[in-house]
Amino acid sequence: MNNTILYFHGFKSSSDSTKAKDLHKFISRRTRNTILITPNIHDNFHDAHDQIINLIESNQPNIFFMGSSLGGYYASFFSQKYNKKAVLINPAIPPLKDFEMHLGKNKNYSNGNKFIITKNDIDYIRSLSYKKILKPKNLMILLESGDEILNYNDASSYFSGSHIDILYGGDHSYSSFKEKFNKIQDFLKIT
């Protein structure tokens, strides 16, 4: 039976990201029994939640999650909810500090889609979290200390007990991603 990895891109991004493309290449070259799905996650948080639930339901039981930034936030939540392994790359963490800066009009950097974020939207996305990680051993956290958007110390504390890999330097895009592919493959035990 095949394994499925659902990879969730970051906020205002798309499935056409460099990380998604690099991961596709790795999976297609180095695995035989693993499928990578990189959906374009809806900009609206309610729609994104429903979209992800549908993807999970149609790809069970051998499913894993991966995500970067806000995609890591989603991957963390669904990993805990479904008791599945996940790899989080410079993930956003509860309570999404400073997310109010996105209230109002927004534009997706990748596809040009314009959308509005309301206080209710922020309350909703914040509800998709756990105060404490229930299954820390199910998570591999990839952090770069040079992340200019998210504080790697906050993520390291929140995910205490997880498999945490901190690279000193780097940036929010996680520039050392390709160097971690073998580690990711070993953690997920995919072939």
N, C-alpha and C. Protein backbone atom coordinates (compact mmCIF):
# COMPACT_ATOMS: atom_id res chain seq x y z
N MET A 1 0.84 -1.18 0.00
CA MET A 1 0.00 0.00 0.00
C MET A 1 0.89 1.25 0.00
N ASN A 2 0.50 2.24 -0.78
CA ASN A 2 1.27 3.48 -0.88
C ASN A 2 1.12 4.36 0.35
N ASN A 3 2.17 5.12 0.61
CA ASN A 3 2.12 6.19 1.60
C ASN A 3 1.76 7.47 0.85
N THR A 4 1.07 8.36 1.54
CA THR A 4 0.74 9.66 0.96
C THR A 4 1.25 10.74 1.89
N ILE A 5 1.95 11.70 1.32
CA ILE A 5 2.37 12.89 2.06
C ILE A 5 1.54 14.06 1.53
N LEU A 6 0.85 14.74 2.44
CA LEU A 6 0.17 15.99 2.09
C LEU A 6 1.08 17.13 2.51
N TYR A 7 1.52 17.93 1.55
CA TYR A 7 2.40 19.07 1.84
C TYR A 7 1.59 20.35 1.72
N PHE A 8 1.58 21.14 2.81
CA PHE A 8 0.82 22.39 2.86
C PHE A 8 1.78 23.58 2.79
N HIS A 9 1.58 24.42 1.78
CA HIS A 9 2.42 25.61 1.62
C HIS A 9 2.07 26.66 2.66
N GLY A 10 2.87 27.70 2.70
CA GLY A 10 2.69 28.78 3.67
C GLY A 10 1.62 29.79 3.25
N PHE A 11 1.41 30.75 4.13
CA PHE A 11 0.42 31.81 3.95
C PHE A 11 0.77 32.64 2.72
N LYS A 12 -0.22 32.92 1.90
CA LYS A 12 -0.07 33.73 0.68
C LYS A 12 0.90 33.10 -0.31
N SER A 13 1.02 31.79 -0.28
CA SER A 13 1.91 31.08 -1.19
C SER A 13 1.09 30.11 -2.03
N SER A 14 1.75 29.14 -2.66
CA SER A 14 1.03 28.18 -3.49
C SER A 14 1.80 26.86 -3.57
N SER A 15 1.17 25.90 -4.20
CA SER A 15 1.80 24.59 -4.37
C SER A 15 2.96 24.65 -5.37
N ASP A 16 3.15 25.78 -5.99
CA ASP A 16 4.22 25.97 -6.97
C ASP A 16 5.50 26.48 -6.31
N SER A 17 5.58 26.38 -5.00
CA SER A 17 6.75 26.89 -4.28
C SER A 17 7.99 26.05 -4.58
N THR A 18 9.13 26.64 -4.35
CA THR A 18 10.41 25.94 -4.57
C THR A 18 10.49 24.69 -3.71
N LYS A 19 10.08 24.79 -2.44
CA LYS A 19 10.14 23.62 -1.55
C LYS A 19 9.28 22.48 -2.09
N ALA A 20 8.08 22.80 -2.54
CA ALA A 20 7.19 21.77 -3.08
C ALA A 20 7.80 21.11 -4.32
N LYS A 21 8.37 21.92 -5.19
CA LYS A 21 9.00 21.37 -6.41
C LYS A 21 10.18 20.47 -6.06
N ASP A 22 11.03 20.94 -5.14
CA ASP A 22 12.20 20.14 -4.73
C ASP A 22 11.78 18.84 -4.07
N LEU A 23 10.75 18.90 -3.24
CA LEU A 23 10.26 17.70 -2.57
C LEU A 23 9.68 16.71 -3.58
N HIS A 24 8.95 17.21 -4.57
CA HIS A 24 8.43 16.34 -5.64
C HIS A 24 9.56 15.59 -6.33
N LYS A 25 10.62 16.30 -6.66
CA LYS A 25 11.76 15.66 -7.33
C LYS A 25 12.35 14.56 -6.46
N PHE A 26 12.55 14.87 -5.18
CA PHE A 26 13.13 13.89 -4.27
C PHE A 26 12.24 12.65 -4.15
N ILE A 27 10.96 12.86 -3.91
CA ILE A 27 10.03 11.74 -3.73
C ILE A 27 9.98 10.88 -4.99
N SER A 28 9.93 11.50 -6.16
CA SER A 28 9.84 10.71 -7.40
C SER A 28 11.13 9.94 -7.69
N ARG A 29 12.26 10.47 -7.27
CA ARG A 29 13.54 9.80 -7.54
C ARG A 29 13.94 8.79 -6.48
N ARG A 30 13.55 9.03 -5.23
CA ARG A 30 14.09 8.23 -4.13
C ARG A 30 13.10 7.31 -3.44
N THR A 31 11.84 7.35 -3.85
CA THR A 31 10.86 6.46 -3.24
C THR A 31 10.07 5.73 -4.33
N ARG A 32 9.54 4.59 -3.96
CA ARG A 32 8.71 3.81 -4.89
C ARG A 32 7.25 3.76 -4.44
N ASN A 33 7.05 3.85 -3.15
CA ASN A 33 5.72 3.63 -2.58
C ASN A 33 5.15 4.87 -1.91
N THR A 34 5.58 6.03 -2.34
CA THR A 34 5.12 7.26 -1.70
C THR A 34 4.60 8.24 -2.75
N ILE A 35 3.44 8.79 -2.46
CA ILE A 35 2.81 9.79 -3.31
C ILE A 35 2.85 11.11 -2.56
N LEU A 36 3.23 12.17 -3.25
CA LEU A 36 3.23 13.51 -2.66
C LEU A 36 2.10 14.32 -3.28
N ILE A 37 1.25 14.87 -2.44
CA ILE A 37 0.17 15.74 -2.90
C ILE A 37 0.45 17.14 -2.34
N THR A 38 0.52 18.11 -3.24
CA THR A 38 0.80 19.49 -2.84
C THR A 38 -0.35 20.38 -3.32
N PRO A 39 -1.43 20.42 -2.58
CA PRO A 39 -2.59 21.20 -3.02
C PRO A 39 -2.36 22.70 -2.88
N ASN A 40 -3.08 23.46 -3.68
CA ASN A 40 -3.16 24.90 -3.47
C ASN A 40 -4.18 25.12 -2.36
N ILE A 41 -3.70 25.41 -1.17
CA ILE A 41 -4.58 25.59 -0.02
C ILE A 41 -5.34 26.91 -0.17
N HIS A 42 -6.64 26.85 0.06
CA HIS A 42 -7.47 28.06 -0.02
C HIS A 42 -6.94 29.15 0.90
N ASP A 43 -7.07 30.38 0.45
CA ASP A 43 -6.66 31.52 1.27
C ASP A 43 -7.63 31.73 2.44
N ASN A 44 -8.90 31.38 2.23
CA ASN A 44 -9.90 31.47 3.29
C ASN A 44 -9.70 30.29 4.25
N PHE A 45 -9.55 30.58 5.54
CA PHE A 45 -9.21 29.54 6.52
C PHE A 45 -10.30 28.48 6.68
N HIS A 46 -11.57 28.88 6.62
CA HIS A 46 -12.66 27.90 6.72
C HIS A 46 -12.62 26.95 5.52
N ASP A 47 -12.46 27.52 4.34
CA ASP A 47 -12.38 26.70 3.13
C ASP A 47 -11.15 25.80 3.15
N ALA A 48 -10.04 26.33 3.65
CA ALA A 48 -8.80 25.54 3.74
C ALA A 48 -9.00 24.33 4.65
N HIS A 49 -9.64 24.55 5.79
CA HIS A 49 -9.91 23.45 6.73
C HIS A 49 -10.72 22.36 6.05
N ASP A 50 -11.81 22.75 5.39
CA ASP A 50 -12.67 21.77 4.70
C ASP A 50 -11.90 21.06 3.59
N GLN A 51 -11.09 21.80 2.85
CA GLN A 51 -10.29 21.23 1.77
C GLN A 51 -9.33 20.17 2.32
N ILE A 52 -8.66 20.48 3.42
CA ILE A 52 -7.70 19.55 4.00
C ILE A 52 -8.40 18.30 4.54
N ILE A 53 -9.54 18.48 5.19
CA ILE A 53 -10.32 17.33 5.68
C ILE A 53 -10.67 16.40 4.51
N ASN A 54 -11.11 16.97 3.40
CA ASN A 54 -11.45 16.15 2.22
C ASN A 54 -10.23 15.41 1.69
N LEU A 55 -9.08 16.06 1.66
CA LEU A 55 -7.85 15.40 1.21
C LEU A 55 -7.47 14.25 2.13
N ILE A 56 -7.60 14.47 3.43
CA ILE A 56 -7.27 13.43 4.40
C ILE A 56 -8.19 12.23 4.22
N GLU A 57 -9.49 12.51 4.14
CA GLU A 57 -10.46 11.42 4.03
C GLU A 57 -10.27 10.60 2.76
N SER A 58 -9.81 11.23 1.69
CA SER A 58 -9.64 10.48 0.44
C SER A 58 -8.26 9.85 0.30
N ASN A 59 -7.39 10.05 1.29
CA ASN A 59 -6.03 9.49 1.20
C ASN A 59 -5.61 8.67 2.42
N GLN A 60 -6.54 8.33 3.29
CA GLN A 60 -6.22 7.50 4.45
C GLN A 60 -5.90 6.09 3.97
N PRO A 61 -5.27 5.20 4.69
CA PRO A 61 -4.83 5.35 6.07
C PRO A 61 -3.35 5.74 6.20
N ASN A 62 -2.53 5.47 5.19
CA ASN A 62 -1.08 5.70 5.31
C ASN A 62 -0.74 7.12 4.88
N ILE A 63 -1.02 8.06 5.76
CA ILE A 63 -0.88 9.46 5.40
C ILE A 63 0.08 10.16 6.36
N PHE A 64 0.84 11.08 5.82
CA PHE A 64 1.74 11.93 6.61
C PHE A 64 1.48 13.38 6.20
N PHE A 65 1.90 14.29 7.06
CA PHE A 65 1.72 15.71 6.78
C PHE A 65 3.06 16.42 6.76
N MET A 66 3.16 17.41 5.91
CA MET A 66 4.31 18.31 5.90
C MET A 66 3.78 19.70 5.65
N GLY A 67 4.47 20.69 6.20
CA GLY A 67 4.04 22.05 5.92
C GLY A 67 5.08 23.06 6.35
N SER A 68 5.03 24.20 5.68
CA SER A 68 5.95 25.29 5.94
C SER A 68 5.17 26.50 6.43
N SER A 69 5.65 27.13 7.51
CA SER A 69 5.05 28.33 8.07
C SER A 69 3.59 28.05 8.45
N LEU A 70 2.62 28.74 7.84
CA LEU A 70 1.22 28.46 8.18
C LEU A 70 0.84 27.04 7.76
N GLY A 71 1.47 26.53 6.71
CA GLY A 71 1.25 25.14 6.32
C GLY A 71 1.73 24.19 7.41
N GLY A 72 2.79 24.57 8.13
CA GLY A 72 3.26 23.79 9.27
C GLY A 72 2.27 23.82 10.42
N TYR A 73 1.61 24.96 10.58
CA TYR A 73 0.56 25.10 11.59
C TYR A 73 -0.56 24.10 11.29
N TYR A 74 -1.01 24.07 10.03
CA TYR A 74 -2.04 23.10 9.64
C TYR A 74 -1.54 21.67 9.85
N ALA A 75 -0.33 21.39 9.39
CA ALA A 75 0.22 20.03 9.50
C ALA A 75 0.30 19.58 10.96
N SER A 76 0.68 20.49 11.84
CA SER A 76 0.75 20.18 13.27
C SER A 76 -0.64 19.82 13.81
N PHE A 77 -1.62 20.64 13.49
CA PHE A 77 -2.98 20.42 13.98
C PHE A 77 -3.52 19.07 13.50
N PHE A 78 -3.40 18.79 12.20
CA PHE A 78 -3.97 17.55 11.67
C PHE A 78 -3.17 16.33 12.09
N SER A 79 -1.89 16.49 12.30
CA SER A 79 -1.07 15.40 12.82
C SER A 79 -1.56 14.97 14.19
N GLN A 80 -1.84 15.94 15.04
CA GLN A 80 -2.31 15.64 16.38
C GLN A 80 -3.74 15.08 16.35
N LYS A 81 -4.57 15.67 15.50
CA LYS A 81 -5.97 15.23 15.41
C LYS A 81 -6.09 13.79 14.92
N TYR A 82 -5.25 13.40 13.95
CA TYR A 82 -5.35 12.07 13.35
C TYR A 82 -4.26 11.11 13.83
N ASN A 83 -3.42 11.55 14.76
CA ASN A 83 -2.33 10.73 15.29
C ASN A 83 -1.43 10.20 14.17
N LYS A 84 -0.95 11.12 13.34
CA LYS A 84 -0.07 10.79 12.21
C LYS A 84 1.22 11.60 12.33
N LYS A 85 2.27 11.12 11.69
CA LYS A 85 3.54 11.83 11.69
C LYS A 85 3.47 13.06 10.79
N ALA A 86 4.28 14.07 11.17
CA ALA A 86 4.35 15.28 10.36
C ALA A 86 5.75 15.88 10.45
N VAL A 87 6.13 16.56 9.38
CA VAL A 87 7.38 17.32 9.33
C VAL A 87 6.98 18.78 9.15
N LEU A 88 7.43 19.61 10.08
CA LEU A 88 7.06 21.03 10.08
C LEU A 88 8.31 21.87 9.81
N ILE A 89 8.21 22.78 8.86
CA ILE A 89 9.34 23.59 8.43
C ILE A 89 9.10 25.04 8.85
N ASN A 90 9.95 25.55 9.75
CA ASN A 90 9.76 26.90 10.29
C ASN A 90 8.27 27.17 10.52
N PRO A 91 7.61 26.33 11.35
CA PRO A 91 6.15 26.42 11.46
C PRO A 91 5.67 27.61 12.28
N ALA A 92 4.52 28.13 11.87
CA ALA A 92 3.79 29.08 12.70
C ALA A 92 3.23 28.28 13.88
N ILE A 93 3.15 28.91 15.03
CA ILE A 93 2.66 28.21 16.22
C ILE A 93 1.55 29.02 16.89
N PRO A 94 0.71 28.34 17.67
CA PRO A 94 -0.31 29.06 18.43
C PRO A 94 0.36 30.04 19.38
N PRO A 95 -0.21 31.18 19.63
CA PRO A 95 -1.52 31.64 19.17
C PRO A 95 -1.46 32.49 17.90
N LEU A 96 -0.50 32.26 17.03
CA LEU A 96 -0.31 33.07 15.82
C LEU A 96 -0.16 34.54 16.20
N LYS A 97 0.87 34.81 17.00
CA LYS A 97 1.14 36.18 17.45
C LYS A 97 1.21 37.13 16.26
N ASP A 98 0.71 38.30 16.45
CA ASP A 98 0.78 39.38 15.45
C ASP A 98 0.02 39.08 14.16
N PHE A 99 -0.83 38.07 14.16
CA PHE A 99 -1.55 37.74 12.92
C PHE A 99 -2.57 38.83 12.56
N GLU A 100 -2.90 39.68 13.54
CA GLU A 100 -3.83 40.78 13.27
C GLU A 100 -3.29 41.73 12.21
N MET A 101 -1.99 41.72 11.99
CA MET A 101 -1.42 42.59 10.96
C MET A 101 -1.97 42.25 9.56
N HIS A 102 -2.61 41.09 9.43
CA HIS A 102 -3.16 40.67 8.15
C HIS A 102 -4.66 40.97 8.03
N LEU A 103 -5.24 41.63 9.05
CA LEU A 103 -6.65 42.00 8.97
C LEU A 103 -6.88 42.89 7.75
N GLY A 104 -8.01 42.66 7.08
CA GLY A 104 -8.34 43.48 5.92
C GLY A 104 -7.94 42.82 4.61
N LYS A 105 -7.60 43.67 3.64
CA LYS A 105 -7.29 43.18 2.29
C LYS A 105 -5.92 42.54 2.24
N ASN A 106 -5.84 41.42 1.53
CA ASN A 106 -4.59 40.67 1.34
C ASN A 106 -4.50 40.21 -0.11
N LYS A 107 -3.29 39.86 -0.50
CA LYS A 107 -3.07 39.33 -1.85
C LYS A 107 -2.11 38.16 -1.77
N ASN A 108 -2.49 37.05 -2.39
CA ASN A 108 -1.62 35.88 -2.45
C ASN A 108 -0.45 36.20 -3.38
N TYR A 109 0.77 36.06 -2.86
CA TYR A 109 1.97 36.40 -3.62
C TYR A 109 2.13 35.55 -4.87
N SER A 110 1.68 34.32 -4.82
CA SER A 110 1.91 33.38 -5.92
C SER A 110 0.90 33.48 -7.05
N ASN A 111 -0.38 33.59 -6.68
CA ASN A 111 -1.41 33.53 -7.73
C ASN A 111 -2.17 34.84 -7.93
N GLY A 112 -1.87 35.86 -7.12
CA GLY A 112 -2.52 37.15 -7.28
C GLY A 112 -3.92 37.22 -6.71
N ASN A 113 -4.42 36.12 -6.14
CA ASN A 113 -5.76 36.10 -5.55
C ASN A 113 -5.87 37.15 -4.44
N LYS A 114 -6.94 37.95 -4.50
CA LYS A 114 -7.19 38.95 -3.46
C LYS A 114 -8.24 38.39 -2.51
N PHE A 115 -8.01 38.60 -1.21
CA PHE A 115 -8.95 38.09 -0.21
C PHE A 115 -8.90 38.98 1.03
N ILE A 116 -9.92 38.85 1.84
CA ILE A 116 -10.05 39.65 3.06
C ILE A 116 -9.98 38.73 4.27
N ILE A 117 -9.27 39.18 5.29
CA ILE A 117 -9.21 38.45 6.56
C ILE A 117 -9.91 39.31 7.61
N THR A 118 -10.86 38.68 8.30
CA THR A 118 -11.61 39.35 9.37
C THR A 118 -11.15 38.84 10.73
N LYS A 119 -11.60 39.49 11.77
CA LYS A 119 -11.30 39.04 13.14
C LYS A 119 -11.85 37.62 13.34
N ASN A 120 -13.03 37.35 12.79
CA ASN A 120 -13.61 36.00 12.89
C ASN A 120 -12.73 34.96 12.22
N ASP A 121 -12.12 35.33 11.09
CA ASP A 121 -11.20 34.40 10.41
C ASP A 121 -10.01 34.07 11.30
N ILE A 122 -9.47 35.09 11.94
CA ILE A 122 -8.31 34.87 12.82
C ILE A 122 -8.70 34.02 14.02
N ASP A 123 -9.87 34.31 14.60
CA ASP A 123 -10.35 33.48 15.71
C ASP A 123 -10.51 32.03 15.27
N TYR A 124 -10.99 31.83 14.05
CA TYR A 124 -11.19 30.48 13.54
C TYR A 124 -9.86 29.75 13.37
N ILE A 125 -8.90 30.37 12.72
CA ILE A 125 -7.61 29.69 12.50
C ILE A 125 -6.93 29.42 13.84
N ARG A 126 -7.10 30.31 14.79
CA ARG A 126 -6.52 30.07 16.12
C ARG A 126 -7.18 28.90 16.83
N SER A 127 -8.43 28.63 16.49
CA SER A 127 -9.12 27.49 17.13
C SER A 127 -8.58 26.15 16.63
N LEU A 128 -7.86 26.16 15.53
CA LEU A 128 -7.29 24.93 14.97
C LEU A 128 -5.90 24.69 15.57
N SER A 129 -5.88 24.49 16.87
CA SER A 129 -4.59 24.28 17.55
C SER A 129 -4.82 23.53 18.85
N TYR A 130 -3.72 23.08 19.40
CA TYR A 130 -3.72 22.42 20.71
C TYR A 130 -2.83 23.23 21.64
N LYS A 131 -3.31 23.45 22.88
CA LYS A 131 -2.49 24.20 23.84
C LYS A 131 -1.19 23.47 24.13
N LYS A 132 -1.26 22.16 24.11
CA LYS A 132 -0.08 21.33 24.37
C LYS A 132 -0.06 20.22 23.32
N ILE A 133 1.12 19.96 22.80
CA ILE A 133 1.27 18.90 21.80
C ILE A 133 1.02 17.55 22.47
N LEU A 134 0.09 16.78 21.92
CA LEU A 134 -0.32 15.51 22.52
C LEU A 134 0.64 14.38 22.18
N LYS A 135 1.16 14.38 20.99
CA LYS A 135 2.05 13.31 20.50
C LYS A 135 3.33 13.93 19.93
N PRO A 136 4.20 14.45 20.79
CA PRO A 136 5.39 15.14 20.28
C PRO A 136 6.30 14.26 19.44
N LYS A 137 6.35 12.97 19.71
CA LYS A 137 7.24 12.07 18.95
C LYS A 137 6.78 11.87 17.51
N ASN A 138 5.54 12.27 17.21
CA ASN A 138 5.04 12.20 15.84
C ASN A 138 5.54 13.36 14.97
N LEU A 139 6.25 14.29 15.58
CA LEU A 139 6.62 15.51 14.86
C LEU A 139 8.13 15.67 14.70
N MET A 140 8.53 16.04 13.49
CA MET A 140 9.90 16.49 13.23
C MET A 140 9.79 17.98 12.91
N ILE A 141 10.54 18.78 13.64
CA ILE A 141 10.49 20.23 13.48
C ILE A 141 11.81 20.70 12.89
N LEU A 142 11.76 21.30 11.72
CA LEU A 142 12.95 21.83 11.06
C LEU A 142 12.94 23.35 11.20
N LEU A 143 13.93 23.87 11.91
CA LEU A 143 13.99 25.30 12.20
C LEU A 143 15.30 25.89 11.73
N GLU A 144 15.24 27.14 11.28
CA GLU A 144 16.46 27.91 11.01
C GLU A 144 16.40 29.15 11.89
N SER A 145 17.48 29.38 12.62
CA SER A 145 17.50 30.48 13.59
C SER A 145 17.41 31.85 12.93
N GLY A 146 17.77 31.94 11.66
CA GLY A 146 17.72 33.22 10.96
C GLY A 146 16.35 33.57 10.40
N ASP A 147 15.32 32.78 10.74
CA ASP A 147 13.95 33.06 10.29
C ASP A 147 13.58 34.47 10.70
N GLU A 148 13.33 35.34 9.72
CA GLU A 148 13.05 36.74 9.98
C GLU A 148 11.58 37.01 10.31
N ILE A 149 10.73 35.99 10.22
CA ILE A 149 9.30 36.16 10.47
C ILE A 149 8.86 35.48 11.77
N LEU A 150 9.33 34.26 11.99
CA LEU A 150 8.92 33.48 13.16
C LEU A 150 10.13 33.19 14.05
N ASN A 151 9.92 33.27 15.35
CA ASN A 151 11.01 33.05 16.31
C ASN A 151 11.21 31.55 16.54
N TYR A 152 12.38 31.07 16.16
CA TYR A 152 12.65 29.63 16.28
C TYR A 152 12.65 29.17 17.74
N ASN A 153 12.99 30.04 18.69
CA ASN A 153 12.96 29.66 20.11
C ASN A 153 11.53 29.36 20.57
N ASP A 154 10.57 30.15 20.09
CA ASP A 154 9.17 29.91 20.45
C ASP A 154 8.72 28.54 19.93
N ALA A 155 9.08 28.23 18.69
CA ALA A 155 8.70 26.94 18.11
C ALA A 155 9.38 25.79 18.85
N SER A 156 10.64 25.97 19.17
CA SER A 156 11.39 24.93 19.89
C SER A 156 10.75 24.64 21.24
N SER A 157 10.32 25.68 21.94
CA SER A 157 9.65 25.50 23.24
C SER A 157 8.29 24.83 23.08
N TYR A 158 7.50 25.31 22.13
CA TYR A 158 6.15 24.78 21.93
C TYR A 158 6.20 23.29 21.57
N PHE A 159 7.17 22.90 20.75
CA PHE A 159 7.26 21.52 20.29
C PHE A 159 8.23 20.69 21.12
N SER A 160 8.46 21.09 22.35
CA SER A 160 9.36 20.36 23.24
C SER A 160 8.99 18.88 23.29
N GLY A 161 10.01 18.03 23.17
CA GLY A 161 9.78 16.58 23.17
C GLY A 161 9.66 16.01 21.77
N SER A 162 9.55 16.88 20.77
CA SER A 162 9.51 16.44 19.37
C SER A 162 10.93 16.27 18.85
N HIS A 163 11.06 15.75 17.66
CA HIS A 163 12.36 15.64 16.99
C HIS A 163 12.66 17.02 16.40
N ILE A 164 13.51 17.78 17.08
CA ILE A 164 13.78 19.16 16.67
C ILE A 164 15.16 19.26 16.07
N ASP A 165 15.23 19.87 14.89
CA ASP A 165 16.48 20.07 14.17
C ASP A 165 16.63 21.58 13.93
N ILE A 166 17.60 22.19 14.60
CA ILE A 166 17.83 23.63 14.45
C ILE A 166 19.12 23.86 13.68
N LEU A 167 19.01 24.62 12.60
CA LEU A 167 20.18 25.05 11.85
C LEU A 167 20.38 26.53 12.17
N TYR A 168 21.55 26.87 12.64
CA TYR A 168 21.82 28.26 12.98
C TYR A 168 22.17 29.02 11.71
N GLY A 169 21.41 30.09 11.49
CA GLY A 169 21.49 30.85 10.24
C GLY A 169 20.22 30.60 9.44
N GLY A 170 20.32 30.75 8.14
CA GLY A 170 19.17 30.51 7.27
C GLY A 170 18.17 31.64 7.30
N ASP A 171 16.93 31.33 6.91
CA ASP A 171 15.88 32.33 6.83
C ASP A 171 14.51 31.65 6.86
N HIS A 172 13.44 32.45 6.69
CA HIS A 172 12.09 31.90 6.79
C HIS A 172 11.79 30.89 5.68
N SER A 173 12.41 31.04 4.54
CA SER A 173 12.15 30.10 3.44
C SER A 173 12.79 28.73 3.66
N TYR A 174 13.58 28.61 4.71
CA TYR A 174 14.29 27.38 5.07
C TYR A 174 15.19 26.95 3.92
N SER A 175 16.25 27.71 3.76
CA SER A 175 17.16 27.54 2.62
C SER A 175 17.91 26.20 2.61
N SER A 176 17.96 25.49 3.71
CA SER A 176 18.69 24.20 3.75
C SER A 176 17.77 22.99 3.56
N PHE A 177 16.59 23.21 3.00
CA PHE A 177 15.57 22.17 2.90
C PHE A 177 16.08 20.90 2.21
N LYS A 178 16.73 21.03 1.07
CA LYS A 178 17.19 19.85 0.32
C LYS A 178 18.15 19.00 1.14
N GLU A 179 18.91 19.63 2.01
CA GLU A 179 19.88 18.90 2.84
C GLU A 179 19.20 18.01 3.87
N LYS A 180 17.92 18.20 4.10
CA LYS A 180 17.19 17.45 5.13
C LYS A 180 16.36 16.30 4.56
N PHE A 181 16.37 16.12 3.24
CA PHE A 181 15.50 15.10 2.63
C PHE A 181 15.75 13.70 3.17
N ASN A 182 16.99 13.30 3.32
CA ASN A 182 17.26 11.94 3.84
C ASN A 182 16.76 11.80 5.27
N LYS A 183 16.93 12.84 6.06
CA LYS A 183 16.45 12.83 7.45
C LYS A 183 14.92 12.70 7.48
N ILE A 184 14.26 13.43 6.59
CA ILE A 184 12.80 13.37 6.50
C ILE A 184 12.36 11.96 6.10
N GLN A 185 13.03 11.39 5.11
CA GLN A 185 12.69 10.04 4.65
C GLN A 185 12.86 9.03 5.78
N ASP A 186 13.93 9.14 6.54
CA ASP A 186 14.15 8.23 7.67
C ASP A 186 13.08 8.41 8.75
N PHE A 187 12.74 9.66 9.06
CA PHE A 187 11.75 9.93 10.10
C PHE A 187 10.38 9.36 9.72
N LEU A 188 9.97 9.58 8.48
CA LEU A 188 8.66 9.09 8.04
C LEU A 188 8.67 7.60 7.67
N LYS A 189 9.87 7.05 7.54
CA LYS A 189 10.03 5.64 7.15
C LYS A 189 9.32 5.35 5.83
N ILE A 190 9.59 6.22 4.84
CA ILE A 190 8.98 6.04 3.52
C ILE A 190 9.99 5.42 2.56
N THR A 191 9.48 4.61 1.67
CA THR A 191 10.34 3.97 0.66
C THR A 191 9.80 4.23 -0.73
